[in-house]
Amino acid sequence: MTASKTPALGLMNPVGSDPFLTSDFAQTFQAIDAAPGIAVVPNQASRPTGWTSNQHGRRVWQADQNIEWVWNQPSSGSPGAWLRTFAKGVLANATVGGFLGTSNTNYATGPTIVSIPNVIIPGGRPIRVTYWYDWLANDYGQSVITYWENGVQIYDNFHDGRLFSDNFPEPHVNSHRFYRNIAPSSQVTMSFSITLSARNDTPPRGGGNSLIAATWLEIEEV
């Protein structure tokens, strides 16, 4: 068949003088069968390659993570890229209910309060990390809550305990939230944790014993 092909799926587009060949029909039907409304791939590495602006807007369902991608290339002169259509939601969370504490420690080297190892971040969407606690106090110094990603210190939150001869430490309730544009185009595995320190430098900020209770850590794709 001498016909041209359609731009998106490459189907035969016959003209009046073309002969009818069963092989041409078979080729067309195979192309249609391989191109449903949303293509299904087993994992991220199996997404189609070689797509151009002809496939702009086509979608792929990634079965292992239950997520959807759309091919974005509005014109031949623009670079193509896979974009996620919807967020997956909560990826992982963990909580510790009882009291945990530490005495004088070096800054940001205290014990781990709550951790979530080996979280799969599908990619293509930012994530939101939230942690909170219902009770935090230090008897005469300063507590330090430190947030970590893959063993790297990301953020510190400081809370003063009993200072300047106060009669009692004032408990503290708080929450913190971070938006992280991790893995904008590809899947990675990450670990998250929260540690507690009681600063051991010069009083009144340093020293003392820190206690924390009901600590929660959540990783969410948004």
N, C-alpha and C. Protein backbone atom coordinates (compact mmCIF):
# COMPACT_ATOMS: atom_id res chain seq x y z
N MET A 1 0.86 -1.20 0.00
CA MET A 1 0.00 0.00 0.00
C MET A 1 0.89 1.24 0.00
N THR A 2 0.58 2.17 -0.86
CA THR A 2 1.38 3.38 -0.97
C THR A 2 0.88 4.52 -0.10
N ALA A 3 -0.11 4.24 0.72
CA ALA A 3 -0.76 5.30 1.50
C ALA A 3 0.18 5.92 2.51
N SER A 4 -0.13 7.15 2.90
CA SER A 4 0.55 7.78 4.02
C SER A 4 0.02 7.20 5.32
N LYS A 5 0.62 7.62 6.45
CA LYS A 5 0.20 7.10 7.75
C LYS A 5 -0.33 8.23 8.62
N THR A 6 -1.23 7.88 9.51
CA THR A 6 -1.75 8.87 10.44
C THR A 6 -0.65 9.27 11.42
N PRO A 7 -0.65 10.54 11.91
CA PRO A 7 0.49 11.03 12.68
C PRO A 7 0.65 10.41 14.06
N ALA A 8 -0.44 10.09 14.74
CA ALA A 8 -0.32 9.66 16.14
C ALA A 8 0.01 8.18 16.27
N LEU A 9 -0.76 7.32 15.63
CA LEU A 9 -0.59 5.88 15.80
C LEU A 9 0.09 5.22 14.61
N GLY A 10 0.32 5.98 13.52
CA GLY A 10 0.97 5.40 12.36
C GLY A 10 0.09 4.41 11.62
N LEU A 11 -1.22 4.65 11.57
CA LEU A 11 -2.15 3.76 10.87
C LEU A 11 -2.13 4.07 9.37
N MET A 12 -2.38 3.04 8.56
CA MET A 12 -2.46 3.23 7.12
C MET A 12 -3.62 4.18 6.77
N ASN A 13 -3.33 5.13 5.89
CA ASN A 13 -4.34 6.10 5.46
C ASN A 13 -4.47 5.99 3.94
N PRO A 14 -5.24 5.01 3.44
CA PRO A 14 -5.23 4.68 2.01
C PRO A 14 -5.88 5.75 1.13
N VAL A 15 -5.47 5.73 -0.13
CA VAL A 15 -6.10 6.58 -1.15
C VAL A 15 -6.83 5.67 -2.14
N GLY A 16 -7.58 6.27 -3.04
CA GLY A 16 -8.44 5.48 -3.90
C GLY A 16 -7.74 4.46 -4.77
N SER A 17 -6.50 4.71 -5.14
CA SER A 17 -5.79 3.80 -6.04
C SER A 17 -5.04 2.70 -5.31
N ASP A 18 -5.05 2.70 -3.96
CA ASP A 18 -4.29 1.69 -3.22
C ASP A 18 -4.98 0.33 -3.28
N PRO A 19 -4.18 -0.73 -3.43
CA PRO A 19 -4.75 -2.09 -3.36
C PRO A 19 -5.02 -2.46 -1.90
N PHE A 20 -5.88 -3.43 -1.68
CA PHE A 20 -6.17 -3.91 -0.33
C PHE A 20 -5.30 -5.14 -0.05
N LEU A 21 -4.47 -5.03 0.98
CA LEU A 21 -3.61 -6.13 1.36
C LEU A 21 -3.92 -6.54 2.79
N THR A 22 -4.03 -7.84 3.00
CA THR A 22 -4.33 -8.31 4.36
C THR A 22 -3.22 -7.93 5.34
N SER A 23 -1.98 -7.88 4.87
CA SER A 23 -0.86 -7.50 5.75
C SER A 23 -1.00 -6.06 6.23
N ASP A 24 -1.54 -5.18 5.39
CA ASP A 24 -1.75 -3.79 5.81
C ASP A 24 -2.82 -3.70 6.90
N PHE A 25 -3.90 -4.47 6.72
CA PHE A 25 -4.93 -4.49 7.75
C PHE A 25 -4.37 -5.05 9.07
N ALA A 26 -3.58 -6.10 8.98
CA ALA A 26 -3.00 -6.71 10.18
C ALA A 26 -2.10 -5.71 10.91
N GLN A 27 -1.31 -4.96 10.14
CA GLN A 27 -0.42 -3.96 10.74
C GLN A 27 -1.23 -2.88 11.45
N THR A 28 -2.31 -2.45 10.82
CA THR A 28 -3.14 -1.41 11.42
C THR A 28 -3.81 -1.90 12.70
N PHE A 29 -4.36 -3.11 12.65
CA PHE A 29 -5.03 -3.64 13.84
C PHE A 29 -4.05 -3.84 14.99
N GLN A 30 -2.83 -4.25 14.69
CA GLN A 30 -1.82 -4.42 15.74
C GLN A 30 -1.48 -3.08 16.39
N ALA A 31 -1.38 -2.04 15.56
CA ALA A 31 -1.09 -0.71 16.10
C ALA A 31 -2.21 -0.23 17.00
N ILE A 32 -3.46 -0.46 16.59
CA ILE A 32 -4.60 -0.06 17.42
C ILE A 32 -4.63 -0.84 18.72
N ASP A 33 -4.37 -2.13 18.65
CA ASP A 33 -4.40 -2.97 19.84
C ASP A 33 -3.32 -2.58 20.84
N ALA A 34 -2.19 -2.09 20.32
CA ALA A 34 -1.08 -1.71 21.20
C ALA A 34 -1.24 -0.30 21.74
N ALA A 35 -2.27 0.41 21.33
CA ALA A 35 -2.43 1.81 21.74
C ALA A 35 -3.83 2.04 22.30
N PRO A 36 -4.16 1.50 23.47
CA PRO A 36 -5.45 1.79 24.07
C PRO A 36 -5.50 3.23 24.55
N GLY A 37 -6.65 3.64 25.06
CA GLY A 37 -6.77 5.01 25.53
C GLY A 37 -5.70 5.38 26.53
N ILE A 38 -5.41 4.49 27.48
CA ILE A 38 -4.31 4.67 28.43
C ILE A 38 -3.44 3.42 28.34
N ALA A 39 -2.19 3.59 27.93
CA ALA A 39 -1.29 2.45 27.84
C ALA A 39 -0.91 1.99 29.25
N VAL A 40 -0.74 0.70 29.42
CA VAL A 40 -0.39 0.12 30.72
C VAL A 40 1.04 -0.39 30.65
N VAL A 41 1.88 0.05 31.60
CA VAL A 41 3.27 -0.42 31.68
C VAL A 41 3.50 -1.00 33.07
N PRO A 42 4.39 -1.98 33.22
CA PRO A 42 4.58 -2.59 34.53
C PRO A 42 5.33 -1.72 35.52
N ASN A 43 6.24 -0.87 35.03
CA ASN A 43 7.05 -0.04 35.93
C ASN A 43 7.51 1.20 35.19
N GLN A 44 8.20 2.08 35.89
CA GLN A 44 8.57 3.36 35.32
C GLN A 44 9.56 3.22 34.16
N ALA A 45 10.45 2.25 34.25
CA ALA A 45 11.44 2.04 33.20
C ALA A 45 10.81 1.58 31.89
N SER A 46 9.56 1.13 31.94
CA SER A 46 8.89 0.59 30.75
C SER A 46 8.03 1.62 30.03
N ARG A 47 8.08 2.88 30.44
CA ARG A 47 7.32 3.90 29.71
C ARG A 47 7.82 3.97 28.27
N PRO A 48 6.95 4.29 27.32
CA PRO A 48 7.35 4.34 25.91
C PRO A 48 8.49 5.34 25.67
N THR A 49 9.33 5.01 24.71
CA THR A 49 10.41 5.91 24.29
C THR A 49 10.17 6.33 22.85
N GLY A 50 10.79 7.42 22.46
CA GLY A 50 10.67 7.88 21.09
C GLY A 50 9.41 8.66 20.79
N TRP A 51 8.63 9.00 21.81
CA TRP A 51 7.42 9.78 21.57
C TRP A 51 7.78 11.21 21.20
N THR A 52 6.93 11.83 20.38
CA THR A 52 7.14 13.20 19.92
C THR A 52 5.88 14.01 20.21
N SER A 53 5.79 15.19 19.57
CA SER A 53 4.59 16.02 19.75
C SER A 53 3.34 15.34 19.18
N ASN A 54 3.53 14.32 18.34
CA ASN A 54 2.37 13.58 17.83
C ASN A 54 1.62 12.84 18.94
N GLN A 55 2.34 12.51 20.02
CA GLN A 55 1.72 11.79 21.14
C GLN A 55 1.38 12.71 22.31
N HIS A 56 1.44 14.02 22.09
CA HIS A 56 1.15 14.98 23.17
C HIS A 56 -0.22 14.68 23.80
N GLY A 57 -0.24 14.55 25.11
CA GLY A 57 -1.48 14.30 25.83
C GLY A 57 -1.81 12.84 26.07
N ARG A 58 -1.04 11.92 25.49
CA ARG A 58 -1.31 10.51 25.74
C ARG A 58 -0.88 10.12 27.14
N ARG A 59 -1.60 9.16 27.71
CA ARG A 59 -1.39 8.80 29.12
C ARG A 59 -0.90 7.37 29.25
N VAL A 60 -0.14 7.16 30.33
CA VAL A 60 0.41 5.84 30.64
C VAL A 60 0.12 5.52 32.09
N TRP A 61 -0.38 4.31 32.34
CA TRP A 61 -0.64 3.85 33.70
C TRP A 61 0.49 2.95 34.16
N GLN A 62 1.17 3.35 35.26
CA GLN A 62 2.29 2.57 35.81
C GLN A 62 1.74 1.65 36.89
N ALA A 63 1.71 0.36 36.58
CA ALA A 63 0.97 -0.59 37.40
C ALA A 63 1.60 -0.81 38.77
N ASP A 64 2.93 -0.85 38.88
CA ASP A 64 3.53 -1.22 40.16
C ASP A 64 3.31 -0.18 41.24
N GLN A 65 3.15 1.10 40.86
CA GLN A 65 2.92 2.16 41.82
C GLN A 65 1.50 2.74 41.75
N ASN A 66 0.68 2.22 40.84
CA ASN A 66 -0.70 2.68 40.70
C ASN A 66 -0.76 4.19 40.47
N ILE A 67 0.04 4.66 39.50
CA ILE A 67 0.11 6.09 39.19
C ILE A 67 0.01 6.29 37.69
N GLU A 68 -0.31 7.52 37.28
CA GLU A 68 -0.52 7.84 35.87
C GLU A 68 0.41 8.96 35.44
N TRP A 69 0.94 8.81 34.20
CA TRP A 69 1.79 9.82 33.58
C TRP A 69 1.14 10.31 32.30
N VAL A 70 1.43 11.56 31.91
CA VAL A 70 0.97 12.09 30.64
C VAL A 70 2.19 12.62 29.88
N TRP A 71 2.23 12.35 28.57
CA TRP A 71 3.33 12.85 27.75
C TRP A 71 3.04 14.29 27.35
N ASN A 72 3.98 15.18 27.66
CA ASN A 72 3.78 16.61 27.44
C ASN A 72 4.81 17.14 26.43
N GLN A 73 4.36 17.39 25.23
CA GLN A 73 5.19 18.00 24.18
C GLN A 73 4.26 18.68 23.19
N PRO A 74 3.85 19.92 23.51
CA PRO A 74 2.81 20.58 22.71
C PRO A 74 3.22 20.91 21.28
N SER A 75 4.52 21.00 21.00
CA SER A 75 4.96 21.29 19.63
C SER A 75 6.27 20.57 19.38
N SER A 76 6.59 20.43 18.09
CA SER A 76 7.82 19.72 17.74
C SER A 76 9.07 20.45 18.20
N GLY A 77 8.97 21.76 18.41
CA GLY A 77 10.12 22.52 18.85
C GLY A 77 10.33 22.54 20.35
N SER A 78 9.42 21.96 21.11
CA SER A 78 9.55 21.95 22.57
C SER A 78 10.03 20.59 23.04
N PRO A 79 10.79 20.56 24.13
CA PRO A 79 11.24 19.26 24.65
C PRO A 79 10.09 18.48 25.27
N GLY A 80 10.10 17.19 25.08
CA GLY A 80 9.06 16.36 25.67
C GLY A 80 9.42 15.93 27.08
N ALA A 81 8.40 15.70 27.90
CA ALA A 81 8.64 15.29 29.28
C ALA A 81 7.44 14.52 29.79
N TRP A 82 7.71 13.57 30.68
CA TRP A 82 6.64 12.86 31.37
C TRP A 82 6.22 13.67 32.59
N LEU A 83 4.91 13.90 32.73
CA LEU A 83 4.37 14.62 33.88
C LEU A 83 3.35 13.72 34.58
N ARG A 84 3.34 13.80 35.91
CA ARG A 84 2.33 13.07 36.67
C ARG A 84 1.00 13.80 36.62
N THR A 85 -0.08 13.05 36.57
CA THR A 85 -1.40 13.67 36.53
C THR A 85 -1.98 13.90 37.92
N PHE A 86 -1.87 12.91 38.81
CA PHE A 86 -2.47 13.03 40.14
C PHE A 86 -1.47 12.57 41.20
N ALA A 87 -1.60 13.15 42.39
CA ALA A 87 -0.77 12.74 43.51
C ALA A 87 -1.25 11.41 44.07
N LYS A 88 -0.33 10.65 44.60
CA LYS A 88 -0.68 9.35 45.19
C LYS A 88 -1.25 9.50 46.59
N GLY A 89 -0.92 10.60 47.27
CA GLY A 89 -1.39 10.78 48.64
C GLY A 89 -0.35 10.34 49.65
N VAL A 90 -0.80 9.77 50.75
CA VAL A 90 0.12 9.38 51.84
C VAL A 90 0.99 8.21 51.37
N LEU A 91 2.30 8.39 51.48
CA LEU A 91 3.25 7.35 51.11
C LEU A 91 3.68 6.51 52.31
N ALA A 92 3.78 7.14 53.47
CA ALA A 92 4.19 6.41 54.67
C ALA A 92 3.97 7.30 55.89
N ASN A 93 3.76 6.68 57.05
CA ASN A 93 3.71 7.43 58.30
C ASN A 93 4.07 6.50 59.45
N ALA A 94 4.45 7.12 60.55
CA ALA A 94 4.82 6.36 61.74
C ALA A 94 4.61 7.26 62.95
N THR A 95 4.33 6.64 64.10
CA THR A 95 4.10 7.40 65.32
C THR A 95 4.72 6.68 66.50
N VAL A 96 5.12 7.45 67.50
CA VAL A 96 5.62 6.92 68.78
C VAL A 96 4.80 7.58 69.87
N GLY A 97 4.09 6.78 70.66
CA GLY A 97 3.13 7.34 71.59
C GLY A 97 3.68 7.71 72.95
N GLY A 98 4.63 6.93 73.49
CA GLY A 98 5.09 7.16 74.85
C GLY A 98 6.14 8.24 74.96
N PHE A 99 6.58 8.49 76.19
CA PHE A 99 7.60 9.49 76.44
C PHE A 99 8.98 8.94 76.09
N LEU A 100 9.75 9.75 75.39
CA LEU A 100 11.14 9.44 75.08
C LEU A 100 11.97 10.67 75.43
N GLY A 101 13.19 10.45 75.89
CA GLY A 101 13.96 11.60 76.33
C GLY A 101 15.45 11.43 76.16
N THR A 102 16.16 12.50 76.47
CA THR A 102 17.61 12.49 76.41
C THR A 102 18.14 13.56 77.35
N SER A 103 19.31 13.32 77.90
CA SER A 103 19.99 14.34 78.69
C SER A 103 21.00 15.05 77.79
N ASN A 104 21.97 15.74 78.39
CA ASN A 104 22.91 16.57 77.63
C ASN A 104 23.48 15.81 76.44
N THR A 105 23.34 16.37 75.27
CA THR A 105 23.87 15.77 74.05
C THR A 105 24.48 16.85 73.18
N ASN A 106 25.38 16.44 72.32
CA ASN A 106 25.88 17.37 71.32
C ASN A 106 24.75 17.77 70.39
N TYR A 107 24.87 18.96 69.83
CA TYR A 107 23.82 19.51 68.98
C TYR A 107 23.50 18.55 67.82
N ALA A 108 22.21 18.21 67.68
CA ALA A 108 21.69 17.37 66.59
C ALA A 108 22.30 15.98 66.56
N THR A 109 22.74 15.47 67.71
CA THR A 109 23.27 14.10 67.75
C THR A 109 22.52 13.25 68.77
N GLY A 110 21.34 13.67 69.15
CA GLY A 110 20.56 12.93 70.12
C GLY A 110 19.90 11.70 69.50
N PRO A 111 19.14 10.97 70.29
CA PRO A 111 18.52 9.74 69.82
C PRO A 111 17.43 9.98 68.78
N THR A 112 17.22 8.99 67.94
CA THR A 112 16.14 9.04 66.95
C THR A 112 14.81 8.77 67.66
N ILE A 113 13.86 9.66 67.47
CA ILE A 113 12.55 9.52 68.10
C ILE A 113 11.61 8.70 67.21
N VAL A 114 11.57 9.01 65.94
CA VAL A 114 10.71 8.28 65.01
C VAL A 114 11.40 8.29 63.64
N SER A 115 11.30 7.18 62.92
CA SER A 115 11.94 7.09 61.61
C SER A 115 11.09 6.26 60.66
N ILE A 116 11.24 6.54 59.37
CA ILE A 116 10.58 5.77 58.32
C ILE A 116 11.63 5.48 57.25
N PRO A 117 12.17 4.28 57.22
CA PRO A 117 13.19 3.96 56.22
C PRO A 117 12.58 3.49 54.90
N ASN A 118 13.34 3.65 53.84
CA ASN A 118 13.06 3.03 52.54
C ASN A 118 11.66 3.34 52.01
N VAL A 119 11.35 4.63 51.94
CA VAL A 119 10.08 5.08 51.37
C VAL A 119 10.26 5.28 49.86
N ILE A 120 9.42 4.66 49.05
CA ILE A 120 9.48 4.85 47.60
C ILE A 120 8.80 6.17 47.24
N ILE A 121 9.56 7.08 46.62
CA ILE A 121 9.03 8.34 46.12
C ILE A 121 8.85 8.16 44.61
N PRO A 122 7.60 8.05 44.12
CA PRO A 122 7.40 7.72 42.70
C PRO A 122 7.99 8.71 41.72
N GLY A 123 8.07 9.99 42.09
CA GLY A 123 8.60 11.01 41.19
C GLY A 123 7.51 11.71 40.41
N GLY A 124 7.85 12.87 39.88
CA GLY A 124 6.89 13.63 39.09
C GLY A 124 5.97 14.52 39.91
N ARG A 125 5.97 14.39 41.23
CA ARG A 125 5.17 15.22 42.12
C ARG A 125 6.03 15.61 43.33
N PRO A 126 5.81 16.81 43.89
CA PRO A 126 6.50 17.13 45.14
C PRO A 126 5.92 16.33 46.29
N ILE A 127 6.65 16.26 47.37
CA ILE A 127 6.13 15.61 48.57
C ILE A 127 6.04 16.61 49.71
N ARG A 128 5.17 16.29 50.65
CA ARG A 128 4.99 17.10 51.85
C ARG A 128 5.34 16.23 53.05
N VAL A 129 6.28 16.70 53.85
CA VAL A 129 6.69 16.00 55.06
C VAL A 129 6.16 16.77 56.26
N THR A 130 5.42 16.09 57.11
CA THR A 130 4.83 16.72 58.30
C THR A 130 5.24 15.94 59.53
N TYR A 131 5.66 16.65 60.57
CA TYR A 131 5.85 16.00 61.86
C TYR A 131 5.27 16.87 62.96
N TRP A 132 4.75 16.24 63.98
CA TRP A 132 4.22 16.98 65.12
C TRP A 132 4.36 16.15 66.38
N TYR A 133 4.16 16.83 67.51
CA TYR A 133 4.28 16.17 68.81
C TYR A 133 3.32 16.85 69.77
N ASP A 134 2.84 16.08 70.73
CA ASP A 134 1.85 16.59 71.68
C ASP A 134 2.47 17.12 72.97
N TRP A 135 3.73 16.80 73.19
CA TRP A 135 4.34 17.21 74.45
C TRP A 135 5.85 17.27 74.27
N LEU A 136 6.45 18.41 74.64
CA LEU A 136 7.90 18.57 74.58
C LEU A 136 8.32 19.53 75.68
N ALA A 137 9.32 19.14 76.44
CA ALA A 137 9.78 20.01 77.53
C ALA A 137 11.23 19.71 77.85
N ASN A 138 11.89 20.68 78.46
CA ASN A 138 13.25 20.54 78.98
C ASN A 138 13.28 21.15 80.36
N ASP A 139 13.92 20.47 81.33
CA ASP A 139 13.81 20.94 82.71
C ASP A 139 14.55 22.25 82.98
N TYR A 140 15.67 22.53 82.27
CA TYR A 140 16.26 23.84 82.47
C TYR A 140 17.05 24.34 81.27
N GLY A 141 17.03 23.62 80.16
CA GLY A 141 17.78 24.05 78.98
C GLY A 141 16.91 24.18 77.76
N GLN A 142 17.45 23.78 76.64
CA GLN A 142 16.75 23.93 75.37
C GLN A 142 16.73 22.60 74.62
N SER A 143 15.55 22.25 74.13
CA SER A 143 15.39 21.06 73.31
C SER A 143 15.57 21.41 71.84
N VAL A 144 16.09 20.45 71.09
CA VAL A 144 16.28 20.64 69.66
C VAL A 144 15.65 19.44 68.94
N ILE A 145 14.67 19.70 68.08
CA ILE A 145 14.08 18.68 67.23
C ILE A 145 14.71 18.82 65.85
N THR A 146 15.29 17.74 65.33
CA THR A 146 15.99 17.80 64.05
C THR A 146 15.34 16.84 63.06
N TYR A 147 15.07 17.35 61.86
CA TYR A 147 14.47 16.57 60.78
C TYR A 147 15.55 16.17 59.78
N TRP A 148 15.57 14.87 59.38
CA TRP A 148 16.62 14.32 58.53
C TRP A 148 16.02 13.63 57.31
N GLU A 149 16.73 13.73 56.19
CA GLU A 149 16.42 12.96 54.97
C GLU A 149 17.68 12.22 54.53
N ASN A 150 17.60 10.91 54.44
CA ASN A 150 18.74 10.09 54.02
C ASN A 150 19.99 10.40 54.85
N GLY A 151 19.79 10.62 56.14
CA GLY A 151 20.92 10.90 57.02
C GLY A 151 21.47 12.31 56.93
N VAL A 152 20.82 13.18 56.18
CA VAL A 152 21.25 14.57 56.02
C VAL A 152 20.34 15.48 56.85
N GLN A 153 20.94 16.34 57.65
CA GLN A 153 20.18 17.25 58.50
C GLN A 153 19.52 18.33 57.64
N ILE A 154 18.18 18.44 57.74
CA ILE A 154 17.43 19.37 56.91
C ILE A 154 16.96 20.60 57.68
N TYR A 155 16.46 20.38 58.90
CA TYR A 155 15.83 21.50 59.62
C TYR A 155 15.89 21.24 61.12
N ASP A 156 16.01 22.33 61.89
CA ASP A 156 16.01 22.25 63.35
C ASP A 156 14.90 23.13 63.92
N ASN A 157 14.28 22.65 64.99
CA ASN A 157 13.29 23.42 65.72
C ASN A 157 13.73 23.48 67.18
N PHE A 158 13.86 24.69 67.72
CA PHE A 158 14.36 24.89 69.09
C PHE A 158 13.20 25.25 70.02
N HIS A 159 13.25 24.68 71.24
CA HIS A 159 12.23 25.00 72.23
C HIS A 159 12.90 25.14 73.60
N ASP A 160 12.67 26.29 74.21
CA ASP A 160 13.24 26.56 75.53
C ASP A 160 12.45 25.84 76.61
N GLY A 161 13.16 25.26 77.56
CA GLY A 161 12.53 24.66 78.72
C GLY A 161 12.47 25.66 79.86
N ARG A 162 12.73 25.18 81.08
CA ARG A 162 12.68 26.07 82.24
C ARG A 162 13.91 26.96 82.24
N LEU A 163 13.70 28.26 82.15
CA LEU A 163 14.80 29.22 82.08
C LEU A 163 14.67 30.25 83.19
N PHE A 164 15.81 30.77 83.62
CA PHE A 164 15.85 31.89 84.55
C PHE A 164 15.04 31.62 85.82
N SER A 165 15.22 30.42 86.39
CA SER A 165 14.62 30.04 87.68
C SER A 165 13.10 29.97 87.63
N ASP A 166 12.52 29.66 86.46
CA ASP A 166 11.08 29.40 86.43
C ASP A 166 10.78 28.20 87.32
N ASN A 167 9.55 28.13 87.81
CA ASN A 167 9.19 27.08 88.75
C ASN A 167 9.00 25.72 88.08
N PHE A 168 8.64 25.69 86.81
CA PHE A 168 8.40 24.41 86.15
C PHE A 168 8.60 24.58 84.64
N PRO A 169 8.92 23.49 83.95
CA PRO A 169 9.04 23.59 82.50
C PRO A 169 7.67 23.63 81.83
N GLU A 170 7.53 24.50 80.89
CA GLU A 170 6.26 24.61 80.18
C GLU A 170 6.24 23.63 79.01
N PRO A 171 5.32 22.65 78.99
CA PRO A 171 5.25 21.74 77.86
C PRO A 171 4.90 22.47 76.57
N HIS A 172 5.30 21.90 75.45
CA HIS A 172 5.17 22.56 74.16
C HIS A 172 4.53 21.60 73.18
N VAL A 173 3.56 22.08 72.41
CA VAL A 173 2.92 21.30 71.35
C VAL A 173 3.18 22.04 70.04
N ASN A 174 3.57 21.29 69.00
CA ASN A 174 3.88 21.98 67.75
C ASN A 174 3.81 21.03 66.57
N SER A 175 3.80 21.58 65.38
CA SER A 175 3.87 20.80 64.15
C SER A 175 4.65 21.59 63.11
N HIS A 176 5.29 20.87 62.20
CA HIS A 176 6.08 21.50 61.15
C HIS A 176 5.81 20.78 59.84
N ARG A 177 5.84 21.51 58.75
CA ARG A 177 5.52 20.95 57.44
C ARG A 177 6.50 21.48 56.40
N PHE A 178 6.98 20.57 55.57
CA PHE A 178 7.95 20.93 54.54
C PHE A 178 7.45 20.43 53.18
N TYR A 179 7.55 21.28 52.17
CA TYR A 179 7.25 20.87 50.80
C TYR A 179 8.58 20.62 50.10
N ARG A 180 8.75 19.40 49.61
CA ARG A 180 10.03 18.98 49.05
C ARG A 180 9.82 18.52 47.62
N ASN A 181 10.49 19.16 46.66
CA ASN A 181 10.36 18.75 45.26
C ASN A 181 11.40 17.69 44.96
N ILE A 182 11.19 16.52 45.55
CA ILE A 182 12.14 15.42 45.42
C ILE A 182 11.79 14.60 44.18
N ALA A 183 12.82 14.18 43.44
CA ALA A 183 12.65 13.31 42.28
C ALA A 183 11.59 13.84 41.32
N PRO A 184 11.83 15.01 40.70
CA PRO A 184 10.79 15.58 39.83
C PRO A 184 10.46 14.73 38.62
N SER A 185 11.35 13.81 38.21
CA SER A 185 11.05 13.03 37.02
C SER A 185 11.30 11.54 37.16
N SER A 186 11.88 11.10 38.27
CA SER A 186 12.21 9.68 38.38
C SER A 186 12.00 9.19 39.81
N GLN A 187 11.88 7.91 39.94
CA GLN A 187 11.60 7.27 41.22
C GLN A 187 12.87 7.11 42.05
N VAL A 188 12.76 7.38 43.35
CA VAL A 188 13.87 7.19 44.28
C VAL A 188 13.34 6.56 45.56
N THR A 189 14.24 6.03 46.36
CA THR A 189 13.91 5.51 47.68
C THR A 189 14.61 6.37 48.72
N MET A 190 13.86 6.83 49.73
CA MET A 190 14.42 7.74 50.72
C MET A 190 14.05 7.28 52.12
N SER A 191 14.83 7.75 53.10
CA SER A 191 14.56 7.50 54.52
C SER A 191 14.41 8.83 55.23
N PHE A 192 13.50 8.86 56.22
CA PHE A 192 13.19 10.08 56.96
C PHE A 192 13.25 9.79 58.45
N SER A 193 13.67 10.78 59.25
CA SER A 193 13.73 10.56 60.69
C SER A 193 13.68 11.89 61.44
N ILE A 194 13.33 11.79 62.73
CA ILE A 194 13.30 12.91 63.65
C ILE A 194 14.15 12.54 64.87
N THR A 195 15.05 13.42 65.27
CA THR A 195 15.86 13.17 66.46
C THR A 195 15.61 14.27 67.50
N LEU A 196 15.95 13.96 68.74
CA LEU A 196 15.78 14.89 69.87
C LEU A 196 17.12 15.12 70.54
N SER A 197 17.45 16.38 70.78
CA SER A 197 18.68 16.72 71.51
C SER A 197 18.34 17.64 72.68
N ALA A 198 19.20 17.59 73.70
CA ALA A 198 19.16 18.58 74.78
C ALA A 198 20.51 19.28 74.75
N ARG A 199 20.51 20.52 74.33
CA ARG A 199 21.78 21.21 74.06
C ARG A 199 22.68 21.21 75.29
N ASN A 200 23.97 20.94 75.06
CA ASN A 200 24.90 20.85 76.18
C ASN A 200 25.88 22.02 76.22
N ASP A 201 25.52 23.14 75.55
CA ASP A 201 26.42 24.30 75.60
C ASP A 201 26.09 25.14 76.83
N THR A 202 26.50 26.40 76.84
CA THR A 202 26.43 27.23 78.04
C THR A 202 24.99 27.51 78.47
N PRO A 203 24.65 27.28 79.77
CA PRO A 203 23.32 27.65 80.27
C PRO A 203 23.10 29.16 80.08
N PRO A 204 21.86 29.65 80.04
CA PRO A 204 20.64 28.89 80.31
C PRO A 204 20.11 28.08 79.12
N ARG A 205 20.63 28.32 77.91
CA ARG A 205 20.10 27.57 76.78
C ARG A 205 20.54 26.10 76.82
N GLY A 206 21.74 25.83 77.25
CA GLY A 206 22.27 24.48 77.21
C GLY A 206 21.93 23.68 78.45
N GLY A 207 22.16 22.35 78.32
CA GLY A 207 21.98 21.46 79.44
C GLY A 207 20.56 20.97 79.60
N GLY A 208 20.36 20.27 80.70
CA GLY A 208 19.03 19.80 81.02
C GLY A 208 18.68 18.48 80.38
N ASN A 209 17.45 18.06 80.64
CA ASN A 209 16.92 16.82 80.10
C ASN A 209 15.68 17.13 79.29
N SER A 210 15.60 16.57 78.09
CA SER A 210 14.45 16.80 77.22
C SER A 210 13.55 15.57 77.21
N LEU A 211 12.25 15.82 77.16
CA LEU A 211 11.26 14.76 77.03
C LEU A 211 10.29 15.12 75.92
N ILE A 212 9.91 14.11 75.13
CA ILE A 212 8.95 14.32 74.06
C ILE A 212 7.95 13.16 74.08
N ALA A 213 6.73 13.42 73.65
CA ALA A 213 5.71 12.37 73.65
C ALA A 213 4.78 12.55 72.46
N ALA A 214 4.19 11.44 72.01
CA ALA A 214 3.22 11.41 70.92
C ALA A 214 3.76 12.11 69.68
N THR A 215 4.83 11.56 69.14
CA THR A 215 5.49 12.12 67.97
C THR A 215 5.01 11.40 66.71
N TRP A 216 4.69 12.17 65.66
CA TRP A 216 4.14 11.61 64.44
C TRP A 216 4.92 12.15 63.25
N LEU A 217 5.22 11.26 62.28
CA LEU A 217 5.93 11.65 61.07
C LEU A 217 5.16 11.10 59.87
N GLU A 218 4.90 11.94 58.87
CA GLU A 218 4.12 11.51 57.71
C GLU A 218 4.73 12.04 56.42
N ILE A 219 4.80 11.17 55.40
CA ILE A 219 5.31 11.52 54.09
C ILE A 219 4.14 11.42 53.11
N GLU A 220 3.87 12.50 52.40
CA GLU A 220 2.68 12.56 51.53
C GLU A 220 3.05 13.16 50.19
N GLU A 221 2.57 12.56 49.12
CA GLU A 221 2.75 13.13 47.79
C GLU A 221 1.60 14.08 47.49
N VAL A 222 1.93 15.28 46.98
CA VAL A 222 0.89 16.30 46.77
C VAL A 222 0.93 16.83 45.33
